[in-house]
C-alpha atoms as a PDB file:
ATOM      1  CA  MET A   1     115.142  93.502 109.468  1.00  0.00           C
ATOM      2  CA  ARG A   2     116.604  90.934 107.068  1.00  0.00           C
ATOM      3  CA  VAL A   3     115.320  87.417 107.677  1.00  0.00           C
ATOM      4  CA  GLN A   4     118.211  85.017 107.296  1.00  0.00           C
ATOM      5  CA  ARG A   5     116.011  81.926 107.510  1.00  0.00           C
ATOM      6  CA  LEU A   6     112.234  81.957 107.219  1.00  0.00           C
ATOM      7  CA  ALA A   7     110.449  78.798 108.288  1.00  0.00           C
ATOM      8  CA  LEU A   8     107.100  78.733 106.558  1.00  0.00           C
ATOM      9  CA  VAL A   9     104.741  76.181 108.089  1.00  0.00           C
ATOM     10  CA  GLY A  10     101.991  75.856 105.505  1.00  0.00           C
ATOM     11  CA  CYS A  11     102.614  77.043 101.981  1.00  0.00           C
ATOM     12  CA  GLY A  12      99.279  78.134 100.564  1.00  0.00           C
ATOM     13  CA  LEU A  13      98.019  81.529  99.486  1.00  0.00           C
ATOM     14  CA  MET A  14      98.900  83.393 102.687  1.00  0.00           C
ATOM     15  CA  GLY A  15     102.212  81.719 103.424  1.00  0.00           C
ATOM     16  CA  GLY A  16     103.308  81.840  99.803  1.00  0.00           C
ATOM     17  CA  SER A  17     102.359  85.501  99.488  1.00  0.00           C
ATOM     18  CA  PHE A  18     104.326  86.340 102.635  1.00  0.00           C
ATOM     19  CA  ALA A  19     107.397  84.606 101.201  1.00  0.00           C
ATOM     20  CA  LEU A  20     107.086  86.423  97.874  1.00  0.00           C
ATOM     21  CA  ALA A  21     106.483  89.773  99.582  1.00  0.00           C
ATOM     22  CA  LEU A  22     109.539  89.246 101.785  1.00  0.00           C
ATOM     23  CA  ARG A  23     111.606  88.476  98.681  1.00  0.00           C
ATOM     24  CA  ARG A  24     110.291  91.540  96.859  1.00  0.00           C
ATOM     25  CA  ALA A  25     111.199  93.730  99.850  1.00  0.00           C
ATOM     26  CA  GLY A  26     114.752  92.384  99.702  1.00  0.00           C
ATOM     27  CA  LEU A  27     114.489  90.930 103.206  1.00  0.00           C
ATOM     28  CA  ALA A  28     114.507  87.197 102.503  1.00  0.00           C
ATOM     29  CA  GLY A  29     117.451  84.914 102.980  1.00  0.00           C
ATOM     30  CA  ARG A  30     116.651  81.213 102.756  1.00  0.00           C
ATOM     31  CA  ILE A  31     112.998  80.169 102.861  1.00  0.00           C
ATOM     32  CA  VAL A  32     112.226  76.681 104.115  1.00  0.00           C
ATOM     33  CA  SER A  33     108.708  75.266 104.159  1.00  0.00           C
ATOM     34  CA  CYS A  34     106.849  72.171 105.231  1.00  0.00           C
ATOM     35  CA  GLY A  35     103.304  70.877 105.113  1.00  0.00           C
ATOM     36  CA  PRO A  36     101.173  67.843 104.390  1.00  0.00           C
ATOM     37  CA  ASP A  37     100.593  68.674 100.715  1.00  0.00           C
ATOM     38  CA  ALA A  38     103.619  67.447  98.765  1.00  0.00           C
ATOM     39  CA  VAL A  39     102.154  68.695  95.475  1.00  0.00           C
ATOM     40  CA  ALA A  40     101.785  72.227  96.852  1.00  0.00           C
ATOM     41  CA  LEU A  41     105.344  72.193  98.189  1.00  0.00           C
ATOM     42  CA  ALA A  42     106.669  70.998  94.836  1.00  0.00           C
ATOM     43  CA  LYS A  43     104.749  73.823  93.159  1.00  0.00           C
ATOM     44  CA  ALA A  44     106.197  76.335  95.617  1.00  0.00           C
ATOM     45  CA  LEU A  45     109.711  75.141  94.754  1.00  0.00           C
ATOM     46  CA  GLU A  46     108.955  75.311  91.038  1.00  0.00           C
ATOM     47  CA  LEU A  47     107.638  78.882  91.343  1.00  0.00           C
ATOM     48  CA  GLY A  48     110.591  80.017  93.433  1.00  0.00           C
ATOM     49  CA  VAL A  49     108.400  80.812  96.411  1.00  0.00           C
ATOM     50  CA  ILE A  50     110.571  78.649  98.680  1.00  0.00           C
ATOM     51  CA  ASP A  51     114.113  77.331  98.533  1.00  0.00           C
ATOM     52  CA  GLU A  52     113.823  74.076 100.446  1.00  0.00           C
ATOM     53  CA  VAL A  53     111.300  71.574 101.775  1.00  0.00           C
ATOM     54  CA  ALA A  54     111.716  70.334 105.347  1.00  0.00           C
ATOM     55  CA  PRO A  55     110.236  67.030 106.551  1.00  0.00           C
ATOM     56  CA  GLY A  56     108.341  68.693 109.396  1.00  0.00           C
ATOM     57  CA  ALA A  57     107.703  71.875 111.341  1.00  0.00           C
ATOM     58  CA  ALA A  58     110.439  71.254 113.908  1.00  0.00           C
ATOM     59  CA  GLN A  59     113.067  70.740 111.206  1.00  0.00           C
ATOM     60  CA  ALA A  60     111.905  73.848 109.350  1.00  0.00           C
ATOM     61  CA  ALA A  61     112.031  75.960 112.536  1.00  0.00           C
ATOM     62  CA  GLU A  62     115.521  74.784 113.520  1.00  0.00           C
ATOM     63  CA  GLY A  63     117.829  77.785 113.171  1.00  0.00           C
ATOM     64  CA  ALA A  64     115.105  80.070 111.802  1.00  0.00           C
ATOM     65  CA  ASP A  65     115.015  83.684 112.944  1.00  0.00           C
ATOM     66  CA  LEU A  66     111.390  83.972 111.735  1.00  0.00           C
ATOM     67  CA  VAL A  67     108.755  81.234 111.819  1.00  0.00           C
ATOM     68  CA  LEU A  68     105.405  81.931 110.170  1.00  0.00           C
ATOM     69  CA  VAL A  69     102.540  79.526 110.853  1.00  0.00           C
ATOM     70  CA  ALA A  70     100.122  79.704 107.917  1.00  0.00           C
ATOM     71  CA  VAL A  71      97.794  76.772 108.520  1.00  0.00           C
ATOM     72  CA  PRO A  72      94.027  76.536 109.128  1.00  0.00           C
ATOM     73  CA  VAL A  73      93.282  77.804 112.624  1.00  0.00           C
ATOM     74  CA  ALA A  74      92.189  74.364 113.851  1.00  0.00           C
ATOM     75  CA  ALA A  75      95.688  73.043 113.080  1.00  0.00           C
ATOM     76  CA  THR A  76      97.516  75.788 114.971  1.00  0.00           C
ATOM     77  CA  GLU A  77      97.929  74.030 118.323  1.00  0.00           C
ATOM     78  CA  PRO A  78      99.625  70.816 117.098  1.00  0.00           C
ATOM     79  CA  VAL A  79     101.881  72.880 114.833  1.00  0.00           C
ATOM     80  CA  LEU A  80     102.932  75.169 117.692  1.00  0.00           C
ATOM     81  CA  ALA A  81     103.560  72.112 119.882  1.00  0.00           C
ATOM     82  CA  GLU A  82     105.872  70.673 117.221  1.00  0.00           C
ATOM     83  CA  ILE A  83     107.721  73.952 116.747  1.00  0.00           C
ATOM     84  CA  ALA A  84     108.238  74.784 120.437  1.00  0.00           C
ATOM     85  CA  PRO A  85     111.312  72.607 121.192  1.00  0.00           C
ATOM     86  CA  ALA A  86     113.087  73.793 118.025  1.00  0.00           C
ATOM     87  CA  LEU A  87     112.326  77.513 118.320  1.00  0.00           C
ATOM     88  CA  GLY A  88     115.406  79.654 118.896  1.00  0.00           C
ATOM     89  CA  ALA A  89     115.625  81.900 121.958  1.00  0.00           C
ATOM     90  CA  GLU A  90     115.778  85.008 119.736  1.00  0.00           C
ATOM     91  CA  ALA A  91     113.388  83.885 117.004  1.00  0.00           C
ATOM     92  CA  LEU A  92     110.134  85.614 116.126  1.00  0.00           C
ATOM     93  CA  LEU A  93     107.114  83.332 115.785  1.00  0.00           C
ATOM     94  CA  MET A  94     103.917  84.595 114.132  1.00  0.00           C
ATOM     95  CA  ASP A  95     100.728  83.153 112.701  1.00  0.00           C
ATOM     96  CA  VAL A  96      98.243  84.513 110.157  1.00  0.00           C
ATOM     97  CA  GLY A  97      95.077  83.058 111.648  1.00  0.00           C
ATOM     98  CA  SER A  98      91.732  84.785 111.213  1.00  0.00           C
ATOM     99  CA  THR A  99      90.747  84.283 114.865  1.00  0.00           C
ATOM    100  CA  LYS A 100      92.921  85.202 117.807  1.00  0.00           C
ATOM    101  CA  ARG A 101      91.462  84.188 121.188  1.00  0.00           C
ATOM    102  CA  ASP A 102      91.684  80.497 120.344  1.00  0.00           C
ATOM    103  CA  VAL A 103      95.174  80.932 118.897  1.00  0.00           C
ATOM    104  CA  GLU A 104      96.412  82.652 122.056  1.00  0.00           C
ATOM    105  CA  ALA A 105      94.869  79.909 124.206  1.00  0.00           C
ATOM    106  CA  ALA A 106      96.549  77.231 122.085  1.00  0.00           C
ATOM    107  CA  ALA A 107      99.905  78.994 122.356  1.00  0.00           C
ATOM    108  CA  ARG A 108      99.609  79.187 126.131  1.00  0.00           C
ATOM    109  CA  ARG A 109      98.935  75.469 126.311  1.00  0.00           C
ATOM    110  CA  VAL A 110     101.927  74.298 124.278  1.00  0.00           C
ATOM    111  CA  LEU A 111     104.680  76.906 123.837  1.00  0.00           C
ATOM    112  CA  GLY A 112     105.996  76.851 127.406  1.00  0.00           C
ATOM    113  CA  PRO A 113     109.045  79.122 127.861  1.00  0.00           C
ATOM    114  CA  ARG A 114     108.921  80.121 124.191  1.00  0.00           C
ATOM    115  CA  LEU A 115     105.514  81.790 124.592  1.00  0.00           C
ATOM    116  CA  GLU A 116     107.148  85.223 124.771  1.00  0.00           C
ATOM    117  CA  ARG A 117     108.497  84.758 121.217  1.00  0.00           C
ATOM    118  CA  PHE A 118     104.988  84.410 119.745  1.00  0.00           C
ATOM    119  CA  VAL A 119     103.330  87.553 118.369  1.00  0.00           C
ATOM    120  CA  PRO A 120      99.878  86.627 116.984  1.00  0.00           C
ATOM    121  CA  ALA A 121      99.086  88.324 113.674  1.00  0.00           C
ATOM    122  CA  HIS A 122      96.285  88.503 111.135  1.00  0.00           C
ATOM    123  CA  PRO A 123      96.848  90.161 107.751  1.00  0.00           C
ATOM    124  CA  ILE A 124      93.522  91.413 106.388  1.00  0.00           C
ATOM    125  CA  ALA A 125      94.124  90.186 102.873  1.00  0.00           C
ATOM    126  CA  GLY A 126      93.193  87.248 100.741  1.00  0.00           C
ATOM    127  CA  LYS A 127      91.473  85.940  97.658  1.00  0.00           C
ATOM    128  CA  GLU A 128      88.608  83.578  97.048  1.00  0.00           C
ATOM    129  CA  THR A 129      91.133  81.351  95.235  1.00  0.00           C
ATOM    130  CA  ALA A 130      93.363  79.308  97.539  1.00  0.00           C
ATOM    131  CA  GLY A 131      96.740  77.698  97.022  1.00  0.00           C
ATOM    132  CA  VAL A 132     100.337  78.726  96.463  1.00  0.00           C
ATOM    133  CA  ALA A 133      99.748  79.032  92.719  1.00  0.00           C
ATOM    134  CA  HIS A 134      97.750  82.185  93.516  1.00  0.00           C
ATOM    135  CA  ALA A 135     100.365  83.648  95.874  1.00  0.00           C
ATOM    136  CA  ASP A 136     100.931  87.347  95.272  1.00  0.00           C
ATOM    137  CA  ALA A 137     103.838  89.502  96.458  1.00  0.00           C
ATOM    138  CA  ALA A 138     101.501  92.515  96.574  1.00  0.00           C
ATOM    139  CA  LEU A 139      98.788  90.795  98.607  1.00  0.00           C
ATOM    140  CA  PHE A 140      99.477  92.786 101.784  1.00  0.00           C
ATOM    141  CA  ALA A 141     100.117  96.176 100.188  1.00  0.00           C
ATOM    142  CA  ASN A 142      97.882  98.870 101.703  1.00  0.00           C
ATOM    143  CA  ARG A 143      96.049  96.263 103.785  1.00  0.00           C
ATOM    144  CA  HIS A 144      95.733  96.118 107.542  1.00  0.00           C
ATOM    145  CA  ALA A 145      97.902  93.667 109.461  1.00  0.00           C
ATOM    146  CA  ILE A 146      96.492  93.186 112.943  1.00  0.00           C
ATOM    147  CA  LEU A 147      98.819  92.280 115.806  1.00  0.00           C
ATOM    148  CA  THR A 148      97.402  91.013 119.101  1.00  0.00           C
ATOM    149  CA  PRO A 149     100.533  91.014 121.269  1.00  0.00           C
ATOM    150  CA  LEU A 150     100.788  88.976 124.442  1.00  0.00           C
ATOM    151  CA  PRO A 151     101.692  90.575 127.796  1.00  0.00           C
ATOM    152  CA  GLU A 152     104.784  88.354 127.788  1.00  0.00           C
ATOM    153  CA  ASN A 153     106.116  89.745 124.485  1.00  0.00           C
ATOM    154  CA  PRO A 154     109.218  91.955 124.733  1.00  0.00           C
ATOM    155  CA  ALA A 155     108.405  95.397 123.313  1.00  0.00           C
ATOM    156  CA  ALA A 156     111.302  95.139 120.859  1.00  0.00           C
ATOM    157  CA  LEU A 157     109.924  91.863 119.475  1.00  0.00           C
ATOM    158  CA  VAL A 158     106.480  93.385 118.866  1.00  0.00           C
ATOM    159  CA  GLN A 159     108.135  96.323 117.136  1.00  0.00           C
ATOM    160  CA  ARG A 160     110.119  93.903 114.980  1.00  0.00           C
ATOM    161  CA  ALA A 161     106.914  92.123 113.972  1.00  0.00           C
ATOM    162  CA  ALA A 162     105.251  95.446 113.136  1.00  0.00           C
ATOM    163  CA  ALA A 163     108.259  96.598 111.098  1.00  0.00           C
ATOM    164  CA  LEU A 164     108.226  93.388 109.047  1.00  0.00           C
ATOM    165  CA  TRP A 165     104.570  93.769 108.088  1.00  0.00           C
ATOM    166  CA  GLU A 166     105.113  97.450 107.291  1.00  0.00           C
ATOM    167  CA  ALA A 167     108.035  96.487 105.054  1.00  0.00           C
ATOM    168  CA  LEU A 168     105.592  94.295 103.105  1.00  0.00           C
ATOM    169  CA  GLY A 169     103.338  97.308 102.568  1.00  0.00           C
ATOM    170  CA  ALA A 170     100.801  96.618 105.316  1.00  0.00           C
ATOM    171  CA  ARG A 171      99.305  99.115 107.766  1.00  0.00           C
ATOM    172  CA  VAL A 172      99.819  97.687 111.239  1.00  0.00           C
ATOM    173  CA  ARG A 173      97.214  97.991 113.967  1.00  0.00           C
ATOM    174  CA  ARG A 174      97.339  96.493 117.455  1.00  0.00           C
ATOM    175  CA  MET A 175      94.246  95.091 119.174  1.00  0.00           C
ATOM    176  CA  SER A 176      93.330  92.727 121.965  1.00  0.00           C
ATOM    177  CA  PRO A 177      92.326  89.202 120.865  1.00  0.00           C
ATOM    178  CA  GLN A 178      88.799  89.859 122.165  1.00  0.00           C
ATOM    179  CA  ALA A 179      88.397  93.093 120.198  1.00  0.00           C
ATOM    180  CA  HIS A 180      89.838  91.439 117.093  1.00  0.00           C
ATOM    181  CA  ASP A 181      87.426  88.508 117.143  1.00  0.00           C
ATOM    182  CA  ALA A 182      84.404  90.743 117.778  1.00  0.00           C
ATOM    183  CA  ALA A 183      85.330  93.118 114.963  1.00  0.00           C
ATOM    184  CA  PHE A 184      86.050  90.470 112.349  1.00  0.00           C
ATOM    185  CA  ALA A 185      82.934  88.494 113.176  1.00  0.00           C
ATOM    186  CA  ALA A 186      81.082  91.633 112.066  1.00  0.00           C
ATOM    187  CA  VAL A 187      83.032  92.600 108.956  1.00  0.00           C
ATOM    188  CA  SER A 188      84.419  89.295 107.673  1.00  0.00           C
ATOM    189  CA  HIS A 189      83.138  86.116 109.277  1.00  0.00           C
ATOM    190  CA  LEU A 190      79.404  86.826 109.165  1.00  0.00           C
ATOM    191  CA  PRO A 191      79.584  88.193 105.583  1.00  0.00           C
ATOM    192  CA  HIS A 192      81.093  84.890 104.452  1.00  0.00           C
ATOM    193  CA  LEU A 193      78.370  82.959 106.240  1.00  0.00           C
ATOM    194  CA  LEU A 194      75.714  85.161 104.623  1.00  0.00           C
ATOM    195  CA  ALA A 195      77.239  84.720 101.171  1.00  0.00           C
ATOM    196  CA  TYR A 196      77.215  80.932 101.555  1.00  0.00           C
ATOM    197  CA  ALA A 197      73.642  80.967 102.886  1.00  0.00           C
ATOM    198  CA  TYR A 198      72.321  83.382 100.279  1.00  0.00           C
ATOM    199  CA  PHE A 199      73.787  81.506  97.311  1.00  0.00           C
ATOM    200  CA  ASP A 200      72.531  78.222  98.752  1.00  0.00           C
ATOM    201  CA  GLY A 201      69.078  79.718  99.317  1.00  0.00           C
ATOM    202  CA  VAL A 202      68.794  80.717  95.672  1.00  0.00           C
ATOM    203  CA  ALA A 203      70.402  77.615  94.168  1.00  0.00           C
ATOM    204  CA  ARG A 204      68.241  75.120  96.085  1.00  0.00           C
ATOM    205  CA  GLN A 205      64.908  76.569  94.971  1.00  0.00           C
ATOM    206  CA  PRO A 206      63.014  74.547  92.317  1.00  0.00           C
ATOM    207  CA  LEU A 207      63.746  77.299  89.793  1.00  0.00           C
ATOM    208  CA  GLY A 208      67.169  78.077  91.226  1.00  0.00           C
ATOM    209  CA  ALA A 209      69.102  77.148  88.100  1.00  0.00           C
ATOM    210  CA  ASP A 210      66.860  79.414  86.018  1.00  0.00           C
ATOM    211  CA  PHE A 211      67.306  82.270  88.501  1.00  0.00           C
ATOM    212  CA  LEU A 212      71.085  81.855  88.480  1.00  0.00           C
ATOM    213  CA  SER A 213      71.142  81.944  84.684  1.00  0.00           C
ATOM    214  CA  LEU A 214      69.756  85.488  84.869  1.00  0.00           C
ATOM    215  CA  ALA A 215      72.095  86.750  87.593  1.00  0.00           C
ATOM    216  CA  GLY A 216      74.342  89.671  86.714  1.00  0.00           C
ATOM    217  CA  PRO A 217      77.275  91.609  88.184  1.00  0.00           C
ATOM    218  CA  GLY A 218      75.444  92.545  91.383  1.00  0.00           C
ATOM    219  CA  PHE A 219      74.765  88.916  92.259  1.00  0.00           C
ATOM    220  CA  ARG A 220      78.317  87.978  91.229  1.00  0.00           C
ATOM    221  CA  ASP A 221      79.862  90.622  93.481  1.00  0.00           C
ATOM    222  CA  PHE A 222      77.551  89.883  96.408  1.00  0.00           C
ATOM    223  CA  THR A 223      78.313  86.150  96.349  1.00  0.00           C
ATOM    224  CA  ARG A 224      81.990  86.240  95.292  1.00  0.00           C
ATOM    225  CA  ILE A 225      83.244  85.149  98.716  1.00  0.00           C
ATOM    226  CA  ALA A 226      80.947  82.112  98.684  1.00  0.00           C
ATOM    227  CA  ALA A 227      83.649  80.499  96.544  1.00  0.00           C
ATOM    228  CA  SER A 228      86.163  80.729  99.441  1.00  0.00           C
ATOM    229  CA  ASP A 229      87.965  77.685 100.842  1.00  0.00           C
ATOM    230  CA  PRO A 230      85.427  75.517 102.746  1.00  0.00           C
ATOM    231  CA  ALA A 231      87.923  74.026 105.232  1.00  0.00           C
ATOM    232  CA  VAL A 232      89.330  77.426 106.124  1.00  0.00           C
ATOM    233  CA  TRP A 233      85.904  78.936 106.704  1.00  0.00           C
ATOM    234  CA  ARG A 234      84.627  75.919 108.610  1.00  0.00           C
ATOM    235  CA  ASP A 235      87.416  76.456 111.128  1.00  0.00           C
ATOM    236  CA  ILE A 236      86.985  80.232 111.326  1.00  0.00           C
ATOM    237  CA  LEU A 237      83.222  80.067 111.852  1.00  0.00           C
ATOM    238  CA  LEU A 238      83.504  77.388 114.520  1.00  0.00           C
ATOM    239  CA  THR A 239      86.388  78.933 116.445  1.00  0.00           C
ATOM    240  CA  ASN A 240      84.672  82.341 116.519  1.00  0.00           C
ATOM    241  CA  ARG A 241      81.186  80.886 116.864  1.00  0.00           C
ATOM    242  CA  ASP A 242      79.951  83.040 119.761  1.00  0.00           C
ATOM    243  CA  GLU A 243      80.872  86.320 118.088  1.00  0.00           C
ATOM    244  CA  VAL A 244      79.489  85.192 114.717  1.00  0.00           C
ATOM    245  CA  LEU A 245      76.194  84.225 116.336  1.00  0.00           C
ATOM    246  CA  ARG A 246      76.076  87.594 118.099  1.00  0.00           C
ATOM    247  CA  GLN A 247      76.556  89.388 114.782  1.00  0.00           C
ATOM    248  CA  ALA A 248      73.967  87.138 113.122  1.00  0.00           C
ATOM    249  CA  GLY A 249      71.502  88.452 115.700  1.00  0.00           C
ATOM    250  CA  GLU A 250      72.377  92.048 114.794  1.00  0.00           C
ATOM    251  CA  PHE A 251      71.875  91.260 111.119  1.00  0.00           C
ATOM    252  CA  ARG A 252      68.582  89.530 111.805  1.00  0.00           C
ATOM    253  CA  ARG A 253      67.307  92.632 113.627  1.00  0.00           C
ATOM    254  CA  ALA A 254      68.296  94.832 110.702  1.00  0.00           C
ATOM    255  CA  LEU A 255      66.624  92.490 108.210  1.00  0.00           C
ATOM    256  CA  ASP A 256      63.504  92.340 110.380  1.00  0.00           C
ATOM    257  CA  GLY A 257      63.349  96.135 110.239  1.00  0.00           C
ATOM    258  CA  PHE A 258      63.391  96.135 106.451  1.00  0.00           C
ATOM    259  CA  GLU A 259      60.825  93.329 106.304  1.00  0.00           C
ATOM    260  CA  GLN A 260      58.480  95.279 108.560  1.00  0.00           C
ATOM    261  CA  LEU A 261      58.701  98.314 106.289  1.00  0.00           C
ATOM    262  CA  LEU A 262      57.846  96.114 103.306  1.00  0.00           C
ATOM    263  CA  ARG A 263      54.872  94.612 105.122  1.00  0.00           C
ATOM    264  CA  THR A 264      53.450  98.008 106.065  1.00  0.00           C
ATOM    265  CA  GLY A 265      53.953  99.315 102.529  1.00  0.00           C
ATOM    266  CA  ASP A 266      55.165 102.685 103.852  1.00  0.00           C
ATOM    267  CA  ALA A 267      57.070 103.881 100.795  1.00  0.00           C
ATOM    268  CA  GLN A 268      58.430 107.043 102.388  1.00  0.00           C
ATOM    269  CA  ALA A 269      59.698 105.261 105.497  1.00  0.00           C
ATOM    270  CA  LEU A 270      61.317 102.590 103.315  1.00  0.00           C
ATOM    271  CA  GLU A 271      62.995 105.214 101.120  1.00  0.00           C
ATOM    272  CA  ASP A 272      64.214 107.144 104.154  1.00  0.00           C
ATOM    273  CA  HIS A 273      65.719 104.056 105.709  1.00  0.00           C
ATOM    274  CA  ILE A 274      67.398 103.019 102.450  1.00  0.00           C
ATOM    275  CA  ARG A 275      68.752 106.557 102.043  1.00  0.00           C
ATOM    276  CA  GLU A 276      70.181 106.544 105.566  1.00  0.00           C
ATOM    277  CA  VAL A 277      72.023 103.300 104.924  1.00  0.00           C
ATOM    278  CA  ALA A 278      73.098 104.308 101.406  1.00  0.00           C
ATOM    279  CA  GLN A 279      74.581 107.571 102.657  1.00  0.00           C
ATOM    280  CA  ALA A 280      76.486 105.778 105.399  1.00  0.00           C
ATOM    281  CA  ARG A 281      77.827 103.281 102.854  1.00  0.00           C
ATOM    282  CA  ALA A 282      78.784 106.030 100.408  1.00  0.00           C
ATOM    283  CA  GLY A 283      80.807 107.741 103.133  1.00  0.00           C
ATOM    284  CA  TRP A 284      82.675 104.596 104.093  1.00  0.00           C
ATOM    285  CA  HIS A 285      85.875 103.350 102.517  1.00  0.00           C
ATOM    286  CA  PRO A 286      88.266 100.542 103.464  1.00  0.00           C
ATOM    287  CA  GLY A 287      90.620 101.640 106.211  1.00  0.00           C
ATOM    288  CA  ALA A 288      88.441 104.559 107.304  1.00  0.00           C
ATOM    289  CA  PRO A 289      89.230 105.548 110.908  1.00  0.00           C
ATOM    290  CA  PRO A 290      86.577 104.746 113.519  1.00  0.00           C
ATOM    291  CA  SER A 291      85.415 108.378 113.656  1.00  0.00           C
ATOM    292  CA  GLN A 292      84.265 108.090 110.044  1.00  0.00           C
ATOM    293  CA  SER A 293      82.215 104.940 110.490  1.00  0.00           C
ATOM    294  CA  ARG A 294      78.516 105.056 111.030  1.00  0.00           C
END
């Protein structure tokens, strides 16, 4: 279980939190990182998140028994291509990308004989604040970590990946890339798009600034994720575009239903529909098994 050398490609919130969590679990040997942001890497060294800065992904991966790719999903393919020649025959390679079909396709294009060492992963954790300065050793505790193993993966390697995430406090679940992208379009990707659109819709009105000055905790909580990293969410929304658009259609149908009840003025029907939804929401909690969802 102990990781003698972790190569961390990308040292932001997710990568930095993984490094800190691995240290806290007593599983970290030497942690080497690389990335285009020299300031962030210097900060990671200062905070003790990493031990060394490598000039590039290939140099970081050389001799590593675990390589974690923690870059925006659009950057995954060139990073994997750089890592491939340096990846050890027994190393475990994972990512933390929020979409999985595109990541698998990228891996198949560039990893060659090292494809079997890649176990795609997505920890369901994060903050609206980005950067290694916000890295948190407890970020993955009691959160799902989704694995979307490849048919080429040795069973023991997948089990090793699962055991690592569990050692960081995560609850591991395995899914196909297709099921993953459909599910997270519904419960993560579309909600971010809605938060951006809703805040923008209020702020751009002629009296938007006045409206915002009156907003309270409900508005704050509803729009919190609209402060999330724009580059990250640009990539996620574009790479999972088809599923996000499908979920936008489901949302539009639900909103149309509420609008029709408002137009008809049927108070009892409106109350009944609100009650139905409110009861379903009251019975839901994060991590509830599928049998408990509406």
